[in-house]
Protein backbone atom coordinates (compact mmCIF):
# COMPACT_ATOMS: atom_id res chain seq x y z
CA MET A 1 -13.75 -2.73 -43.73
CA ASN A 2 -14.76 -6.69 -44.81
CA GLU A 3 -17.01 -8.27 -42.54
CA SER A 4 -14.66 -9.98 -40.94
CA GLU A 5 -12.80 -6.55 -39.55
CA LYS A 6 -16.20 -5.69 -38.92
CA LEU A 7 -17.07 -8.62 -36.96
CA SER A 8 -13.46 -8.25 -34.95
CA SER A 9 -14.19 -4.33 -34.47
CA GLU A 10 -17.76 -5.57 -32.66
CA LEU A 11 -16.32 -8.12 -30.68
CA HIS A 12 -13.31 -5.87 -29.35
CA ASP A 13 -16.16 -2.98 -28.42
CA ILE A 14 -18.27 -5.25 -26.62
CA LYS A 15 -15.82 -7.17 -24.94
CA GLN A 16 -14.13 -3.56 -23.61
CA ILE A 17 -18.01 -2.86 -22.13
CA MET A 18 -17.86 -5.48 -20.22
CA GLU A 19 -14.53 -5.05 -18.76
CA ARG A 20 -16.19 -1.60 -17.72
CA SER A 21 -19.12 -2.78 -16.40
CA SER A 22 -16.98 -5.85 -14.40
CA ARG A 23 -13.50 -4.10 -13.60
CA PHE A 24 -12.21 -0.70 -12.02
CA ILE A 25 -9.97 -0.01 -14.54
CA SER A 26 -9.81 4.17 -13.41
CA LEU A 27 -6.33 3.10 -11.60
CA SER A 28 -3.46 5.54 -12.42
CA GLY A 29 -0.20 4.53 -12.38
CA LEU A 30 0.38 7.55 -11.21
CA SER A 31 -1.22 6.61 -8.08
CA GLY A 32 1.33 4.28 -7.37
CA ILE A 33 4.22 6.21 -7.56
CA SER A 34 3.07 8.32 -5.63
CA ALA A 35 2.06 6.02 -3.01
CA GLY A 36 5.36 4.67 -2.97
CA ILE A 37 7.00 8.02 -2.70
CA CYS A 38 5.03 9.01 0.05
CA ALA A 39 5.76 6.06 2.09
CA LEU A 40 9.86 6.47 0.98
CA ILE A 41 9.33 9.68 2.98
CA GLY A 42 7.73 8.41 5.61
CA ALA A 43 10.48 5.56 6.35
CA TRP A 44 13.07 7.99 5.98
CA PHE A 45 11.61 10.04 8.77
CA SER A 46 11.05 7.07 10.78
CA ASN A 47 14.44 6.17 10.21
CA GLU A 48 15.61 8.82 11.83
CA THR A 49 13.48 8.97 14.64
CA ILE A 50 14.69 5.25 15.73
CA LYS A 51 18.09 7.27 15.65
CA ASP A 52 17.29 9.60 17.74
CA TYR A 53 16.36 7.43 19.91
CA ASP A 54 18.88 4.91 20.17
CA LEU A 55 20.82 7.89 20.71
CA SER A 56 19.36 9.62 23.82
CA ALA A 57 17.78 6.39 25.10
CA VAL A 58 21.82 5.95 25.37
CA ASN A 59 21.68 8.61 27.55
CA LEU A 60 18.95 7.93 29.24
CA ARG A 61 20.15 4.49 30.84
CA ARG A 62 23.39 7.24 32.45
CA SER A 63 20.86 9.28 34.16
CA LEU A 64 16.74 7.96 34.43
CA HIS A 65 15.38 4.68 35.93
CA GLY A 66 13.88 2.69 34.09
CA ALA A 67 9.85 3.92 34.20
CA ASP A 68 11.47 6.89 32.42
CA THR A 69 13.35 4.72 29.80
CA ILE A 70 9.65 2.06 29.07
CA ALA A 71 7.56 6.02 28.85
CA GLN A 72 10.86 7.01 25.98
CA ALA A 73 10.05 3.97 24.25
CA TYR A 74 6.74 4.78 24.32
CA PHE A 75 6.80 8.31 22.88
CA LEU A 76 9.20 6.39 20.01
CA TYR A 77 5.80 3.85 18.92
CA SER A 78 3.65 6.99 19.38
CA ARG A 79 5.47 9.16 17.56
CA LEU A 80 5.76 6.20 14.43
CA PHE A 81 1.99 5.82 14.74
CA ASN A 82 1.92 9.42 13.99
CA ILE A 83 4.14 9.01 11.02
CA ALA A 84 2.34 6.07 9.22
CA ILE A 85 -0.87 7.76 9.87
CA ILE A 86 0.48 10.48 7.81
CA THR A 87 2.21 8.82 5.56
CA PHE A 88 -1.30 6.59 5.06
CA ILE A 89 -3.47 9.74 4.65
CA THR A 90 -1.00 11.51 2.21
CA ALA A 91 -0.65 8.93 -0.02
CA LEU A 92 -4.40 7.90 -0.13
CA ILE A 93 -5.26 11.74 -0.59
CA SER A 94 -2.46 11.24 -3.91
CA SER A 95 -4.17 8.24 -5.33
CA PHE A 96 -7.23 9.62 -5.09
CA ILE A 97 -6.41 12.75 -7.12
CA PHE A 98 -4.59 10.20 -10.22
CA THR A 99 -7.51 8.18 -9.75
CA TYR A 100 -9.84 10.65 -10.02
CA ARG A 101 -8.27 12.28 -13.16
CA ARG A 102 -8.07 9.22 -15.01
CA SER A 103 -11.23 8.53 -15.02
CA LYS A 104 -12.29 11.70 -16.22
CA LYS A 105 -9.97 10.93 -18.95
CA THR A 106 -10.97 7.37 -19.65
CA ASN A 107 -15.14 8.88 -18.80
CA THR A 108 -15.53 5.98 -16.30
CA PRO A 109 -17.34 6.35 -12.94
CA ILE A 110 -15.07 6.41 -10.42
CA TRP A 111 -18.44 4.78 -7.71
CA GLY A 112 -19.75 2.35 -8.89
CA THR A 113 -20.98 -1.56 -7.97
CA THR A 114 -17.44 -2.37 -8.78
CA ALA A 115 -15.78 0.06 -6.71
CA ARG A 116 -17.70 -0.73 -4.35
CA ARG A 117 -16.58 -4.36 -4.21
CA LEU A 118 -13.32 -3.79 -4.48
CA LEU A 119 -13.43 -1.07 -1.93
CA ILE A 120 -15.11 -4.02 0.76
CA ASN A 121 -12.76 -6.38 -0.87
CA VAL A 122 -9.85 -4.38 -0.63
CA THR A 123 -10.45 -2.92 3.29
CA VAL A 124 -12.09 -6.25 4.60
CA PRO A 125 -8.35 -7.87 4.69
CA MET A 126 -6.89 -4.59 5.75
CA VAL A 127 -9.10 -4.40 8.61
CA ALA A 128 -8.55 -7.60 10.77
CA GLY A 129 -4.88 -7.42 9.81
CA GLY A 130 -4.85 -4.08 11.62
CA ILE A 131 -6.62 -5.74 14.69
CA PHE A 132 -4.34 -8.34 14.88
CA LEU A 133 -1.36 -5.75 14.67
CA LEU A 134 -2.78 -3.51 17.08
CA ALA A 135 -3.38 -6.52 19.32
CA LEU A 136 0.54 -7.30 18.65
CA ILE A 137 1.75 -3.55 19.60
CA ASN A 138 -0.56 -3.71 23.06
CA ASN A 139 1.44 -7.37 24.22
CA GLY A 140 5.39 -5.79 23.10
CA ILE A 141 5.03 -7.87 20.12
CA ILE A 142 6.93 -4.73 17.76
CA GLY A 143 8.89 -7.24 16.08
CA PHE A 144 5.84 -8.79 13.49
CA VAL A 145 4.10 -5.24 12.76
CA ALA A 146 6.27 -4.24 9.42
CA PRO A 147 5.91 -8.00 8.04
CA GLY A 148 1.89 -8.18 9.15
CA CYS A 149 1.57 -4.97 7.53
CA LEU A 150 3.17 -6.20 4.33
CA LEU A 151 1.34 -9.81 4.50
CA PHE A 152 -2.29 -8.14 5.15
CA TYR A 153 -2.09 -5.70 2.91
CA GLY A 154 -0.73 -8.20 -0.26
CA LEU A 155 -3.34 -10.50 0.71
CA GLY A 156 -5.98 -7.45 0.27
CA VAL A 157 -4.90 -6.15 -2.41
CA LEU A 158 -4.97 -9.96 -3.98
CA ASN A 159 -8.21 -10.27 -2.92
CA ALA A 160 -9.22 -6.90 -4.71
CA SER A 161 -7.11 -7.54 -7.83
CA LYS A 162 -10.29 -9.28 -9.72
CA TYR A 163 -12.39 -6.55 -9.72
CA THR A 164 -9.76 -4.64 -11.21
CA LEU A 165 -6.69 -4.77 -13.89
CA PRO A 166 -5.10 -8.34 -13.56
CA GLU A 167 -1.44 -6.81 -12.85
CA THR A 168 -2.67 -5.90 -8.91
CA ARG A 169 -2.34 -9.35 -8.59
CA TYR A 170 1.34 -9.46 -8.85
CA LEU A 171 1.67 -6.64 -6.93
CA GLY A 172 0.06 -8.32 -4.40
CA TYR A 173 2.49 -11.37 -4.43
CA GLY A 174 5.05 -8.84 -4.17
CA GLU A 175 4.14 -7.11 -0.97
CA ILE A 176 3.19 -11.21 0.14
CA LEU A 177 7.12 -12.36 -0.75
CA LEU A 178 8.12 -9.70 1.35
CA GLY A 179 6.50 -9.65 4.32
CA LEU A 180 7.42 -13.63 4.65
CA ILE A 181 11.12 -13.08 3.94
CA ASN A 182 10.57 -10.05 6.62
CA LEU A 183 9.67 -12.60 9.37
CA PHE A 184 12.49 -13.98 9.12
CA PHE A 185 14.94 -10.49 9.56
CA ILE A 186 12.78 -8.95 11.90
CA GLY A 187 15.35 -6.14 12.93
CA ASP A 188 14.88 -5.26 9.52
CA GLY A 189 11.20 -4.31 9.23
CA LEU A 190 11.40 -0.51 8.70
CA TYR A 191 13.30 -1.86 5.17
CA PHE A 192 11.39 -4.03 4.10
CA TRP A 193 8.07 -1.54 4.63
CA ALA A 194 10.60 0.66 2.72
CA ALA A 195 11.16 -1.84 -0.17
CA GLY A 196 6.79 -2.67 0.09
CA PHE A 197 5.26 -0.33 0.09
CA GLY A 198 7.77 2.27 -1.40
CA ILE A 199 9.90 0.47 -4.15
CA LEU A 200 7.42 -2.14 -4.75
CA HIS A 201 4.79 0.46 -5.04
CA ILE A 202 6.87 2.53 -7.80
CA LEU A 203 8.05 -0.24 -9.83
CA TYR A 204 4.23 -1.36 -10.99
CA GLY A 205 2.96 2.68 -10.67
CA VAL A 206 5.80 3.08 -13.51
CA PHE A 207 4.76 -0.24 -15.38
CA MET A 208 0.78 0.68 -14.81
CA TRP A 209 1.44 3.83 -16.64
CA TRP A 210 3.73 2.83 -18.93
CA LYS A 211 0.96 0.47 -20.61
CA TYR A 212 -1.78 1.54 -19.91
CA GLU A 213 -1.25 5.52 -19.89
CA MET A 214 1.85 6.88 -21.67
CA ASN A 215 0.24 6.91 -25.25
């Protein structure tokens, strides 16, 4: 190895060390894929729940008072909320498992200063967005919940992308774009939700796995 090649190798090693200390690089593409699959399954259950509600609501209008219809609506929102919580927890657990596995393979710590910065930067927009969306639900403004989820999640991912792999910011851009488009198609929120949290996550995960983990 000549002097030029040796210097190039040393610079590459220094760059890797600096990247490991400033970025959380243990994110696994399989985490994105698993989260996307969980989102699609959750969207399917939500769609089936809405279909059942629409059918029963027709029967309710024929035989029950308005108060019962309102109670049925609250029951629907409760079921959809439960599905969303279960989907989120399942996606979070599966993502953690794959990320933990990759951290072991790459011999990088899964928790540290960079991971804390990543968590804070993704959490603040999402917590603020969650409170905002709960206020919308409390005031009966249900149509903007799906685009709001996409927008605030996209902002969280974009905000945290500077502490992890740079391609992550494109996931944030995609979520924000879908959320903005969804604002003009309120009745199709579930489809946008499935596209953003499901299909987009799977595409992102496949790309990240192919680029960083396949070899």
